[in-house]
Structures are given as structure tokens and as C-alpha cells.
Amino acid sequence: MEKIPGFRTPSIRVRMDNPDHHIWDNNGTWFIHYTLYPSTYTKKRIRRSLRTKDIVCARQRRDRILARYANLIIYNEPKKIAA
């Protein structure tokens, strides 16, 4: 896992029912946005260009960026807790 100086381990959530989660089209160019939490009480929003106009390429670049974080959480529905 890549360490980010000054940041505790980030947690990224990905919605499988939304293939464009974390990306948006800004006048034809795709951007990514996600949040890092340097401490319990602070956060840092990251927004940057993926430098592409192609949605498939944008998704691949987003996936590579988010894959750098070890705590990738994929969810479709709430976790069920056994009784």
C-alpha cells in the first residue's frame, strides 16, 4: 500500500450500481473526486482532472487511482449482521 504522508489509512467506498461513482464530466473532460481524512476531525477533498474525454478511459484511470488505497470497500447493500 502506498503511504500518504500525514494521512491515516483512507477508506474509499465504491457503489457497484453506479459505474461513474467518484467521476463527473466537466465540459467534456472527466474529473475524479474523493475525500481523505488526515485525522478524526479533518478531511481533505481531492478533485482533479483525469485528462480524458473518453468515459471508459476515465473509469480505468479512476480505478487505478482508487486502487492505490488498500481499504477499498465495495458495497451493494448494507451488511447483514448474524444474530
N, C-alpha and C. Protein backbone atom coordinates (compact mmCIF):
# COMPACT_ATOMS: atom_id res chain seq x y z
N MET A 1 0.83 -1.18 0.00
CA MET A 1 0.00 0.00 0.00
C MET A 1 0.88 1.24 0.00
N GLU A 2 0.51 2.20 -0.77
CA GLU A 2 1.24 3.46 -0.83
C GLU A 2 0.89 4.30 0.39
N LYS A 3 1.89 4.77 1.10
CA LYS A 3 1.67 5.62 2.27
C LYS A 3 1.53 7.07 1.80
N ILE A 4 0.59 7.77 2.38
CA ILE A 4 0.41 9.17 2.08
C ILE A 4 0.86 9.94 3.31
N PRO A 5 1.93 10.72 3.21
CA PRO A 5 2.45 11.44 4.37
C PRO A 5 1.38 12.30 5.03
N GLY A 6 1.27 12.17 6.35
CA GLY A 6 0.34 12.99 7.11
C GLY A 6 -1.10 12.50 7.11
N PHE A 7 -1.39 11.38 6.46
CA PHE A 7 -2.75 10.89 6.38
C PHE A 7 -2.85 9.50 6.97
N ARG A 8 -3.92 9.27 7.74
CA ARG A 8 -4.16 7.92 8.20
C ARG A 8 -4.73 7.13 7.03
N THR A 9 -4.88 5.84 7.16
CA THR A 9 -5.34 4.99 6.07
C THR A 9 -6.72 5.43 5.59
N PRO A 10 -6.85 5.79 4.31
CA PRO A 10 -8.14 6.24 3.80
C PRO A 10 -9.08 5.06 3.53
N SER A 11 -10.36 5.33 3.47
CA SER A 11 -11.36 4.33 3.15
C SER A 11 -12.18 4.86 1.99
N ILE A 12 -12.20 4.13 0.89
CA ILE A 12 -12.91 4.55 -0.31
C ILE A 12 -14.09 3.62 -0.51
N ARG A 13 -15.25 4.17 -0.73
CA ARG A 13 -16.44 3.37 -0.99
C ARG A 13 -16.79 3.47 -2.46
N VAL A 14 -17.14 2.34 -3.06
CA VAL A 14 -17.50 2.29 -4.47
C VAL A 14 -18.86 1.64 -4.60
N ARG A 15 -19.78 2.33 -5.25
CA ARG A 15 -21.11 1.76 -5.48
C ARG A 15 -21.10 1.00 -6.80
N MET A 16 -21.35 -0.30 -6.73
CA MET A 16 -21.33 -1.12 -7.93
C MET A 16 -22.50 -0.81 -8.88
N ASP A 17 -23.58 -0.24 -8.35
CA ASP A 17 -24.72 0.09 -9.20
C ASP A 17 -24.54 1.43 -9.92
N ASN A 18 -23.42 2.11 -9.67
CA ASN A 18 -23.13 3.38 -10.33
C ASN A 18 -21.70 3.32 -10.88
N PRO A 19 -21.53 2.96 -12.14
CA PRO A 19 -20.17 2.82 -12.69
C PRO A 19 -19.40 4.14 -12.77
N ASP A 20 -20.09 5.26 -12.61
CA ASP A 20 -19.43 6.56 -12.68
C ASP A 20 -19.24 7.20 -11.31
N HIS A 21 -19.33 6.39 -10.26
CA HIS A 21 -19.13 6.90 -8.91
C HIS A 21 -17.72 7.49 -8.79
N HIS A 22 -17.60 8.65 -8.20
CA HIS A 22 -16.34 9.38 -8.00
C HIS A 22 -15.87 10.15 -9.23
N ILE A 23 -16.59 10.10 -10.34
CA ILE A 23 -16.17 10.88 -11.51
C ILE A 23 -17.34 11.72 -12.02
N TRP A 24 -17.00 12.83 -12.68
CA TRP A 24 -18.01 13.66 -13.33
C TRP A 24 -17.43 14.31 -14.56
N ASP A 25 -18.34 14.63 -15.48
CA ASP A 25 -17.98 15.26 -16.76
C ASP A 25 -18.08 16.77 -16.58
N ASN A 26 -16.96 17.45 -16.77
CA ASN A 26 -16.91 18.91 -16.65
C ASN A 26 -16.57 19.48 -18.02
N ASN A 27 -17.60 19.87 -18.76
CA ASN A 27 -17.43 20.43 -20.11
C ASN A 27 -16.65 19.51 -21.03
N GLY A 28 -16.92 18.21 -20.95
CA GLY A 28 -16.30 17.26 -21.87
C GLY A 28 -15.08 16.55 -21.33
N THR A 29 -14.51 17.02 -20.23
CA THR A 29 -13.34 16.39 -19.62
C THR A 29 -13.76 15.74 -18.31
N TRP A 30 -13.33 14.51 -18.08
CA TRP A 30 -13.70 13.78 -16.88
C TRP A 30 -12.77 14.11 -15.72
N PHE A 31 -13.38 14.28 -14.53
CA PHE A 31 -12.67 14.59 -13.30
C PHE A 31 -12.98 13.53 -12.25
N ILE A 32 -12.10 13.38 -11.27
CA ILE A 32 -12.31 12.48 -10.15
C ILE A 32 -12.43 13.31 -8.87
N HIS A 33 -13.22 12.82 -7.93
CA HIS A 33 -13.29 13.46 -6.62
C HIS A 33 -13.42 12.38 -5.55
N TYR A 34 -12.68 12.56 -4.46
CA TYR A 34 -12.75 11.67 -3.31
C TYR A 34 -12.23 12.44 -2.10
N THR A 35 -12.41 11.88 -0.91
CA THR A 35 -12.06 12.56 0.33
C THR A 35 -11.07 11.75 1.13
N LEU A 36 -10.05 12.41 1.64
CA LEU A 36 -9.09 11.80 2.56
C LEU A 36 -9.30 12.41 3.94
N TYR A 37 -9.02 11.63 4.97
CA TYR A 37 -9.20 12.09 6.35
C TYR A 37 -7.86 12.08 7.07
N PRO A 38 -7.18 13.23 7.15
CA PRO A 38 -5.88 13.30 7.82
C PRO A 38 -5.97 12.96 9.30
N SER A 39 -7.10 13.27 9.92
CA SER A 39 -7.30 12.94 11.32
C SER A 39 -8.79 12.72 11.53
N THR A 40 -9.16 12.40 12.73
CA THR A 40 -10.56 12.15 13.04
C THR A 40 -11.42 13.39 12.80
N TYR A 41 -10.84 14.56 12.93
CA TYR A 41 -11.62 15.79 12.88
C TYR A 41 -11.44 16.62 11.62
N THR A 42 -10.61 16.17 10.72
CA THR A 42 -10.38 16.95 9.50
C THR A 42 -10.51 16.08 8.26
N LYS A 43 -10.76 16.72 7.14
CA LYS A 43 -10.83 16.00 5.88
C LYS A 43 -10.23 16.85 4.78
N LYS A 44 -9.82 16.19 3.71
CA LYS A 44 -9.26 16.89 2.56
C LYS A 44 -9.93 16.33 1.31
N ARG A 45 -10.62 17.21 0.60
CA ARG A 45 -11.26 16.79 -0.64
C ARG A 45 -10.26 16.86 -1.78
N ILE A 46 -10.22 15.81 -2.54
CA ILE A 46 -9.33 15.74 -3.70
C ILE A 46 -10.22 15.78 -4.94
N ARG A 47 -9.95 16.75 -5.81
CA ARG A 47 -10.64 16.86 -7.09
C ARG A 47 -9.59 17.16 -8.13
N ARG A 48 -9.51 16.31 -9.16
CA ARG A 48 -8.52 16.57 -10.21
C ARG A 48 -8.98 15.99 -11.53
N SER A 49 -8.42 16.53 -12.58
CA SER A 49 -8.77 16.10 -13.92
C SER A 49 -8.18 14.73 -14.21
N LEU A 50 -8.95 13.90 -14.91
CA LEU A 50 -8.44 12.62 -15.40
C LEU A 50 -7.84 12.78 -16.80
N ARG A 51 -7.91 13.98 -17.33
CA ARG A 51 -7.30 14.35 -18.61
C ARG A 51 -7.74 13.45 -19.77
N THR A 52 -9.04 13.18 -19.81
CA THR A 52 -9.59 12.41 -20.92
C THR A 52 -11.03 12.83 -21.16
N LYS A 53 -11.47 12.65 -22.38
CA LYS A 53 -12.86 12.90 -22.75
C LYS A 53 -13.61 11.59 -22.94
N ASP A 54 -12.90 10.47 -22.82
CA ASP A 54 -13.46 9.14 -23.02
C ASP A 54 -13.88 8.53 -21.67
N ILE A 55 -15.15 8.14 -21.55
CA ILE A 55 -15.67 7.63 -20.29
C ILE A 55 -15.00 6.31 -19.88
N VAL A 56 -14.72 5.45 -20.82
CA VAL A 56 -14.07 4.17 -20.50
C VAL A 56 -12.67 4.42 -19.94
N CYS A 57 -11.94 5.29 -20.57
CA CYS A 57 -10.60 5.65 -20.10
C CYS A 57 -10.68 6.32 -18.73
N ALA A 58 -11.68 7.18 -18.52
CA ALA A 58 -11.86 7.87 -17.24
C ALA A 58 -12.10 6.86 -16.12
N ARG A 59 -12.94 5.86 -16.39
CA ARG A 59 -13.20 4.83 -15.37
C ARG A 59 -11.94 4.04 -15.05
N GLN A 60 -11.15 3.72 -16.06
CA GLN A 60 -9.91 2.98 -15.83
C GLN A 60 -8.93 3.80 -15.00
N ARG A 61 -8.81 5.08 -15.31
CA ARG A 61 -7.90 5.94 -14.55
C ARG A 61 -8.39 6.11 -13.11
N ARG A 62 -9.70 6.28 -12.95
CA ARG A 62 -10.27 6.35 -11.61
C ARG A 62 -9.95 5.08 -10.82
N ASP A 63 -10.14 3.93 -11.45
CA ASP A 63 -9.89 2.66 -10.77
C ASP A 63 -8.43 2.53 -10.35
N ARG A 64 -7.51 2.98 -11.19
CA ARG A 64 -6.08 2.93 -10.84
C ARG A 64 -5.77 3.85 -9.67
N ILE A 65 -6.38 5.04 -9.66
CA ILE A 65 -6.14 5.98 -8.56
C ILE A 65 -6.69 5.41 -7.26
N LEU A 66 -7.92 4.91 -7.28
CA LEU A 66 -8.53 4.40 -6.06
C LEU A 66 -7.89 3.10 -5.60
N ALA A 67 -7.34 2.32 -6.52
CA ALA A 67 -6.71 1.06 -6.16
C ALA A 67 -5.43 1.28 -5.34
N ARG A 68 -4.89 2.49 -5.37
CA ARG A 68 -3.69 2.78 -4.57
C ARG A 68 -3.99 2.72 -3.08
N TYR A 69 -5.25 2.84 -2.73
CA TYR A 69 -5.63 2.82 -1.32
C TYR A 69 -6.04 1.40 -0.93
N ALA A 70 -5.46 0.88 0.10
CA ALA A 70 -5.64 -0.52 0.49
C ALA A 70 -7.05 -0.82 0.99
N ASN A 71 -7.70 0.11 1.64
CA ASN A 71 -9.00 -0.15 2.23
C ASN A 71 -10.14 0.13 1.25
N LEU A 72 -10.11 -0.52 0.11
CA LEU A 72 -11.16 -0.35 -0.88
C LEU A 72 -12.37 -1.15 -0.43
N ILE A 73 -13.48 -0.46 -0.21
CA ILE A 73 -14.70 -1.11 0.26
C ILE A 73 -15.71 -1.08 -0.87
N ILE A 74 -16.17 -2.25 -1.29
CA ILE A 74 -17.17 -2.34 -2.35
C ILE A 74 -18.48 -2.78 -1.69
N TYR A 75 -19.54 -2.03 -1.93
CA TYR A 75 -20.80 -2.39 -1.30
C TYR A 75 -21.95 -2.26 -2.28
N ASN A 76 -22.91 -3.13 -2.15
CA ASN A 76 -24.15 -3.06 -2.92
C ASN A 76 -25.33 -2.84 -2.00
N GLU A 77 -25.29 -3.43 -0.83
CA GLU A 77 -26.36 -3.32 0.13
C GLU A 77 -25.77 -3.33 1.53
N PRO A 78 -26.52 -2.91 2.54
CA PRO A 78 -26.00 -2.88 3.90
C PRO A 78 -25.54 -4.26 4.35
N LYS A 79 -24.51 -4.28 5.19
CA LYS A 79 -24.02 -5.55 5.74
C LYS A 79 -25.08 -6.15 6.65
N LYS A 80 -25.21 -7.47 6.55
CA LYS A 80 -26.15 -8.18 7.41
C LYS A 80 -25.37 -8.76 8.58
N ILE A 81 -25.85 -8.51 9.76
CA ILE A 81 -25.18 -9.00 10.96
C ILE A 81 -25.90 -10.24 11.45
N ALA A 82 -25.14 -11.32 11.61
CA ALA A 82 -25.73 -12.58 12.08
C ALA A 82 -26.16 -12.44 13.53
N ALA A 83 -27.30 -13.04 13.86
CA ALA A 83 -27.83 -12.96 15.23
C ALA A 83 -27.14 -13.96 16.14
